[in-house]
């Protein structure tokens, strides 16, 4: 990954932050993007403290103007792009399908599905200019199976996998690989907020995964770095479950 220019959306915390740090340790020049300015800049600080190179650019992936400006700045800074981890996403509150408010549905689709579409829309031309590259989209085990009470989120993550496979086929001849990671339950701030202080909920989440624990953000990051690297040169259009055996 040395000197490769890589964008990480949703890089202010959790899996995004862990991946940004992992990429920088491999020598990549990392552009961290998020709506959380403080968290995003803190990720950049952590990278620089380790001697890595990183910049922060604020962007809301649900807004085309923000995404277009993000990649315009990336090109201005580095002259191009070599890869991206489209990680930004939200969960929303759990509720049965008929109880989902339209505005909740629209917001989840806007960030999780439309956001991935918009990012790839602006990443792909830059990758073509470079002669190729790699994209990894963050889906979820919820993109592989259904989950009661999570209709909007499940639909959005199935959409991410569909977009991943389609983009992989559209641009394979342009030397662009597009894959997705499908994490199981990972101990992040987003999951901690969902669990709250309820040990029963935490135990249920851990029991869902045969490995008997939650994943670590760094474990997902390792999979993303591999998929972005030349070591995964024959892998495209794949949704990689990193889930402690959940989908098995």
Foldseek 3Di string as FASTA:
>chain_A
DAAAEEEFEPLLWFLNLLLQLVVQVVHYAYEYEYQPPVSSVVSQVVSVVVVGHYHYQYAQLLDLVRLLVVQVVVCVVRVFHAEYEAEDAAQDFFDAPVPDDPVRLVVRLSRLQSSLVSNCVSRVVRQLVVQEFEYEYEAAVLLVDPDGRRVSNSVSSVNVLVVQLVVQVVCVVSHYAGEYEHEQAEPIPNVCVVCPPPVVVLQVSQVLAPLRHHHYSNQVSVVVVCRRDCVCSVDHSYYHYPYNRNVD
